[in-house]
Structure formats: C-alpha cells, structure tokens
Protein backbone atom coordinates (compact mmCIF):
# COMPACT_ATOMS: atom_id res chain seq x y z
CA MET A 1 -19.28 28.77 -12.26
CA GLN A 2 -16.11 30.97 -11.46
CA ARG A 3 -12.76 30.44 -10.04
CA PHE A 4 -10.11 32.62 -8.44
CA VAL A 5 -6.43 30.60 -6.99
CA HIS A 6 -5.87 32.91 -3.10
CA LYS A 7 -2.31 31.73 -2.20
CA GLY A 8 -2.00 29.08 -4.58
CA VAL A 9 -5.60 27.29 -3.78
CA GLY A 10 -8.00 27.09 -6.58
CA ILE A 11 -10.84 28.27 -5.26
CA ALA A 12 -14.48 27.81 -7.47
CA PHE A 13 -17.48 29.90 -7.38
CA ILE A 14 -21.06 31.20 -8.17
CA ASP A 15 -22.21 35.02 -7.93
CA VAL A 16 -25.41 36.02 -8.44
CA PRO A 17 -27.18 39.18 -8.72
CA PRO A 18 -30.58 39.91 -7.04
CA HIS A 19 -33.92 39.78 -9.11
CA GLN A 20 -34.19 43.42 -9.32
CA GLY A 21 -31.77 46.11 -8.92
CA ASP A 22 -28.70 46.00 -6.18
CA GLY A 23 -28.48 45.02 -3.42
CA PRO A 24 -25.65 44.04 -0.46
CA VAL A 25 -23.51 41.10 -0.79
CA VAL A 26 -25.08 37.56 1.43
CA LEU A 27 -21.59 35.47 0.99
CA ALA A 28 -22.76 31.47 1.77
CA ILE A 29 -20.19 28.88 3.28
CA HIS A 30 -21.36 25.22 2.22
CA GLY A 31 -20.21 22.24 5.32
CA PHE A 32 -18.37 19.06 5.19
CA ALA A 33 -19.04 16.97 1.89
CA SER A 34 -21.20 19.38 0.25
CA ASN A 35 -20.47 21.50 -2.03
CA HIS A 36 -22.06 25.10 -2.93
CA SER A 37 -24.96 23.68 -5.07
CA VAL A 38 -26.22 21.33 -2.53
CA ASN A 39 -26.53 23.58 0.93
CA TRP A 40 -27.22 27.00 -0.91
CA VAL A 41 -28.80 26.13 -5.19
CA GLY A 42 -30.81 22.89 -4.58
CA PRO A 43 -32.73 24.02 -1.43
CA GLN A 44 -33.41 27.20 -2.01
CA TRP A 45 -31.07 29.32 -0.47
CA VAL A 46 -29.72 30.98 -3.85
CA ARG A 47 -33.81 32.08 -5.26
CA SER A 48 -35.02 33.53 -1.87
CA LEU A 49 -31.54 35.04 -0.87
CA THR A 50 -31.68 36.94 -4.96
CA HIS A 51 -35.57 37.25 -4.95
CA ALA A 52 -35.08 39.41 -1.11
CA GLY A 53 -32.48 41.53 -3.19
CA TYR A 54 -29.71 40.27 -1.92
CA ARG A 55 -26.20 39.36 -4.45
CA VAL A 56 -25.56 35.57 -3.51
CA ILE A 57 -21.38 34.21 -3.51
CA ALA A 58 -21.98 30.94 -2.40
CA MET A 59 -18.41 29.59 -2.72
CA ASP A 60 -16.70 25.92 -3.27
CA ASN A 61 -14.36 24.97 0.26
CA ARG A 62 -11.06 23.87 -0.46
CA GLY A 63 -11.28 20.38 -1.25
CA HIS A 64 -14.80 20.33 -1.69
CA GLY A 65 -16.93 20.47 -5.64
CA GLN A 66 -14.65 22.46 -8.09
CA SER A 67 -12.18 23.13 -5.72
CA ASP A 68 -8.83 22.35 -5.39
CA LYS A 69 -7.85 19.12 -3.63
CA LEU A 70 -5.91 18.94 -1.08
CA TYR A 71 -4.49 16.30 1.69
CA ASP A 72 -2.93 17.39 3.97
CA ALA A 73 -4.90 18.07 7.53
CA ALA A 74 -2.88 20.77 8.17
CA ALA A 75 -3.96 22.46 4.61
CA TYR A 76 -7.95 22.13 6.29
CA ASP A 77 -7.53 24.43 9.11
CA THR A 78 -10.24 26.57 10.13
CA ARG A 79 -8.18 29.83 9.76
CA LEU A 80 -6.65 28.63 6.11
CA MET A 81 -10.58 28.44 4.95
CA ALA A 82 -11.62 31.23 6.84
CA ASP A 83 -8.97 33.45 4.83
CA ASP A 84 -10.40 31.62 1.69
CA ALA A 85 -13.54 33.23 2.48
CA ALA A 86 -12.12 36.40 3.11
CA GLY A 87 -9.50 36.62 -0.34
CA LEU A 88 -13.39 35.91 -2.14
CA LEU A 89 -14.54 38.49 -1.06
CA GLU A 90 -11.18 40.59 -1.04
CA HIS A 91 -11.00 39.45 -5.08
CA LEU A 92 -14.62 40.29 -6.23
CA ASP A 93 -13.76 44.05 -4.55
CA VAL A 94 -16.49 43.20 -1.80
CA ARG A 95 -15.86 45.39 1.53
CA THR A 96 -18.60 44.35 3.60
CA ALA A 97 -20.95 40.86 3.24
CA GLY A 98 -23.92 39.27 5.16
CA VAL A 99 -22.22 36.21 5.92
CA ILE A 100 -24.12 32.62 6.82
CA GLY A 101 -22.78 29.03 7.15
CA TYR A 102 -23.61 25.65 7.20
CA SER A 103 -22.24 23.15 9.95
CA MET A 104 -18.46 22.82 9.23
CA GLY A 105 -19.23 26.29 6.96
CA ALA A 106 -21.05 28.18 10.59
CA ARG A 107 -17.39 27.37 11.79
CA ILE A 108 -15.67 28.94 8.91
CA ALA A 109 -17.92 32.14 8.85
CA ALA A 110 -17.58 32.41 12.52
CA PHE A 111 -13.57 32.08 12.68
CA LEU A 112 -13.82 34.89 9.77
CA ALA A 113 -15.65 37.21 11.59
CA VAL A 114 -13.01 37.12 14.64
CA LEU A 115 -10.58 36.93 12.64
CA ARG A 116 -11.77 39.56 9.29
CA PRO A 117 -14.67 41.73 11.29
CA ASP A 118 -14.75 44.79 8.39
CA LEU A 119 -16.04 41.64 6.43
CA VAL A 120 -18.58 40.73 8.10
CA ALA A 121 -21.86 43.73 8.71
CA SER A 122 -24.28 40.61 9.66
CA LEU A 123 -24.22 37.11 10.25
CA ALA A 124 -25.78 33.51 10.86
CA LEU A 125 -24.85 30.00 11.64
CA GLY A 126 -26.74 27.37 10.98
CA GLY A 127 -26.52 23.61 12.04
CA LEU A 128 -23.57 24.90 14.56
CA GLY A 129 -24.66 25.39 18.65
CA ILE A 130 -22.80 25.43 21.50
CA HIS A 131 -20.15 23.39 19.95
CA LEU A 132 -18.75 26.09 18.60
CA ILE A 133 -16.53 26.49 21.79
CA ASP A 134 -16.79 23.63 23.67
CA GLY A 135 -16.28 20.06 20.93
CA VAL A 136 -16.66 20.52 17.08
CA GLY A 137 -19.77 18.18 16.36
CA LEU A 138 -18.38 15.54 13.67
CA PRO A 139 -16.11 12.92 15.43
CA GLN A 140 -12.70 12.73 13.29
CA SER A 141 -13.84 8.69 13.29
CA ILE A 142 -15.24 9.87 10.22
CA ALA A 143 -11.72 10.24 8.25
CA ALA A 144 -12.29 6.07 8.94
CA ALA A 145 -15.23 6.10 7.52
CA MET A 146 -14.13 7.84 4.56
CA GLU A 147 -10.84 5.67 3.32
CA ALA A 148 -13.01 2.63 4.08
CA GLU A 149 -13.08 0.33 0.86
CA ARG A 150 -16.28 -0.09 0.67
CA LEU A 151 -19.48 1.17 2.37
CA GLU A 152 -20.45 -1.52 3.70
CA ASP A 153 -17.64 -1.85 5.58
CA VAL A 154 -18.29 1.10 7.95
CA ALA A 155 -19.50 -0.07 10.30
CA ASP A 156 -20.17 3.65 12.17
CA PRO A 157 -23.64 5.08 12.09
CA MET A 158 -22.38 8.13 11.43
CA GLY A 159 -19.51 7.43 9.97
CA ARG A 160 -21.54 5.68 7.66
CA MET A 161 -24.60 8.74 6.83
CA PHE A 162 -21.58 10.99 6.32
CA ARG A 163 -19.91 8.39 3.65
CA ALA A 164 -23.17 7.74 1.74
CA PHE A 165 -23.37 12.11 1.82
CA ALA A 166 -20.10 12.37 0.22
CA MET A 167 -20.12 9.11 -2.27
CA SER A 168 -23.55 11.13 -3.15
CA THR A 169 -22.03 14.82 -3.86
CA LYS A 170 -18.85 12.46 -5.93
CA SER A 171 -16.83 14.05 -3.45
CA ASP A 172 -12.79 13.17 -3.40
CA LEU A 173 -13.13 10.52 -0.29
CA LYS A 174 -9.43 10.43 0.59
CA ALA A 175 -9.32 15.05 0.60
CA LEU A 176 -11.87 14.57 2.78
CA ALA A 177 -10.51 12.83 5.32
CA ALA A 178 -7.95 15.80 6.01
CA CYS A 179 -10.04 17.61 6.10
CA ILE A 180 -12.30 15.97 8.79
CA ARG A 181 -8.93 15.48 10.41
CA GLY A 182 -7.41 19.61 10.08
CA SER A 183 -10.88 21.85 10.75
CA ARG A 184 -10.96 20.79 14.79
CA GLN A 185 -10.36 24.30 16.26
CA VAL A 186 -12.45 25.79 18.50
CA LEU A 187 -13.15 29.51 19.27
CA THR A 188 -12.48 30.57 23.16
CA PRO A 189 -15.72 31.95 25.50
CA ARG A 190 -13.36 35.31 25.37
CA GLU A 191 -12.37 35.33 21.14
CA THR A 192 -16.93 33.98 21.14
CA GLY A 193 -17.53 37.37 22.67
CA GLN A 194 -15.33 39.60 20.62
CA ILE A 195 -18.18 38.82 17.80
CA LEU A 196 -19.88 42.18 17.32
CA ALA A 197 -21.62 41.04 14.25
CA PRO A 198 -25.29 40.71 14.33
CA THR A 199 -25.17 37.08 14.58
CA ILE A 200 -28.21 34.82 14.39
CA ILE A 201 -27.78 31.01 15.31
CA CYS A 202 -30.21 28.69 13.57
CA VAL A 203 -30.50 25.38 14.84
CA GLY A 204 -32.49 21.65 14.22
CA THR A 205 -34.75 20.99 17.74
CA ASN A 206 -33.65 17.44 16.81
CA ASP A 207 -29.65 17.92 15.66
CA PRO A 208 -27.55 16.65 17.93
CA ILE A 209 -24.34 17.37 16.51
CA ALA A 210 -24.45 20.78 16.28
CA GLY A 211 -24.58 22.10 20.30
CA ASP A 212 -27.44 24.16 22.04
CA PRO A 213 -27.57 27.78 19.75
CA HIS A 214 -29.52 29.49 23.18
CA ALA A 215 -25.73 28.51 25.08
CA LEU A 216 -23.70 30.04 22.18
CA ALA A 217 -25.95 33.04 21.54
CA ARG A 218 -24.98 33.67 25.24
CA HIS A 219 -21.88 34.61 24.61
CA ILE A 220 -21.92 36.63 21.91
CA PRO A 221 -22.91 39.94 22.32
CA GLY A 222 -26.70 41.10 20.95
CA ALA A 223 -27.16 36.96 19.84
CA LYS A 224 -30.04 35.77 18.50
CA ALA A 225 -30.60 31.99 19.02
CA PHE A 226 -33.76 30.14 16.77
CA ASP A 227 -34.26 26.75 16.81
CA ILE A 228 -35.82 25.41 13.25
CA GLU A 229 -38.56 22.70 14.59
CA GLY A 230 -38.44 18.93 14.07
CA ARG A 231 -34.89 19.12 11.82
CA ASP A 232 -31.83 17.25 11.92
CA HIS A 233 -28.38 18.06 11.25
CA ASN A 234 -29.40 17.59 7.34
CA LEU A 235 -32.53 18.73 7.18
CA ALA A 236 -32.37 22.09 8.74
CA VAL A 237 -30.44 23.60 6.41
CA GLY A 238 -32.99 23.59 3.64
CA ASP A 239 -35.86 24.26 5.94
CA ARG A 240 -37.88 26.95 4.60
CA THR A 241 -38.70 28.38 8.04
CA HIS A 242 -34.43 28.45 8.74
CA ARG A 243 -34.49 30.71 4.96
CA GLU A 244 -36.93 33.22 6.52
CA ALA A 245 -35.33 33.87 10.01
CA VAL A 246 -31.57 34.02 8.90
CA ILE A 247 -33.14 36.35 5.74
CA LYS A 248 -35.74 38.64 7.91
CA HIS A 249 -32.58 39.26 9.98
CA PHE A 250 -30.00 40.25 7.29
CA ASN A 251 -33.19 42.21 6.43
CA GLU A 252 -32.91 43.95 9.50
CA THR A 253 -29.08 44.57 9.92
CA LEU A 254 -27.81 44.61 5.72
CA LYS A 255 -30.49 46.79 5.27
C-alpha cells in the first residue's frame, strides 16, 4: 500500500504495473463498506486488468480500508470523494485514465467524469444504473444498522446484510454511518448527458439496488448497457462476464 494526503485527508492506494510492458492506466474505485482489496484484488480484477496490459491504480475511499476515517457526514459528499480520485491521479502524474467504479464507487466515477472530464478517457460503471439520477440505491437506514450495538439488533434485512459485510471487512462502523448519510448526491439528466467518455454500464439482472442500466445508458451519449446474468448486487462485482465486458470496453476505447 502507498499513501498520499489530499487536502488534509490521507488516501491509501495500490499502483500495479501491467504484467508486461507499459499500458494505459485504469483507476478502480470500490463500493460502500468495501475496500480496494475486497472489491478489486480478491475478485481477480487487478490480475485480469494487468494481464490485459493495464496499469491498475486502486484506492481506498475516505472512511474505508486504510484511508483516513472521518465522522462528519458532510465529509462524504460524492464531489469530495471524486476530488480525492482526481487528486490521486494528479499525485501520480496521470493525465488521463480509464475509470471503473462499483456501486458507490460508480457514483464517484460518474461525478469524476462530469467534474473532471479531462481525466476520464473511458468509463465503466458497475452496480449502478438509473439510480445515479433518480435515487441513491442504498437506503439511509443502513446508517442505523452500522450504529446498532450488535448485529443481532438489526432487524432490517438489507441493513443486516451491509452490517455483516462491514464487519467482515473490519470496517470502521461509525465512519460508514457518516458515509451513507453524506454520499447521497445524484446527477441531473442534464449533468449525466455531459459525460462524454465512452461508457459501459454493467448491472446484475437480480440487482434491485442499482436501478436499470439501460435507462441510464439512454442519458449518456453513446453509452452501452451490459446485463450480468443471474447476479445480484453482491455477486455481480466479481462475475467473469462482467470483467470480460469491461476489459473489452477498455480495449476498444483506451488502446
């Protein structure tokens, strides 16, 4: 792990070169309650991308993994987290990159594409469809699940699922409660239409959290949707067909 400080917030990241030679950069942004390792290393994304010829930079979002933990909900505004991603690329002197995000990470990636289009050469959104515009996917009630004294005290099924996941990743539950309260921004249809990077949107066919990827694709010029067959929100991230579709997209738009 490496680390840099961006506007007072310490951000941890890995920077993995291509398996052979030099290649384009892919920045990977993980989802809520996850971290770079759980989202991108374990499910073989880093291995697959580096073997396909890409340099992979994968960050721990603020409040997650080995990055700084913050407890003010306002510190998790999606625009601030997108600025962390931009700051990381600038810290590494990367002028343009392919960007992949999953769930909350896809929201951050989309905001990055709107706010800093100069940095985003190609975009892959996973686990997030039309809820980028018309809702935030994860309910704010998850914050209460993070703050419950014990897992057994959480009655809401989705809250219990995310609390158990957060415990499995050894996350800071108080920081995650602030994050789920603070990172609820959406893009307007007009803003989404300003995403000019070639975009693929990948969502599991059994994922009610993300929203329809085809509906979102209609708002982004030239975007395409990919259905991850038979997968829910948790299983779609590591699906082989998901990886293959994204790598094909990057091969067509970055090389």
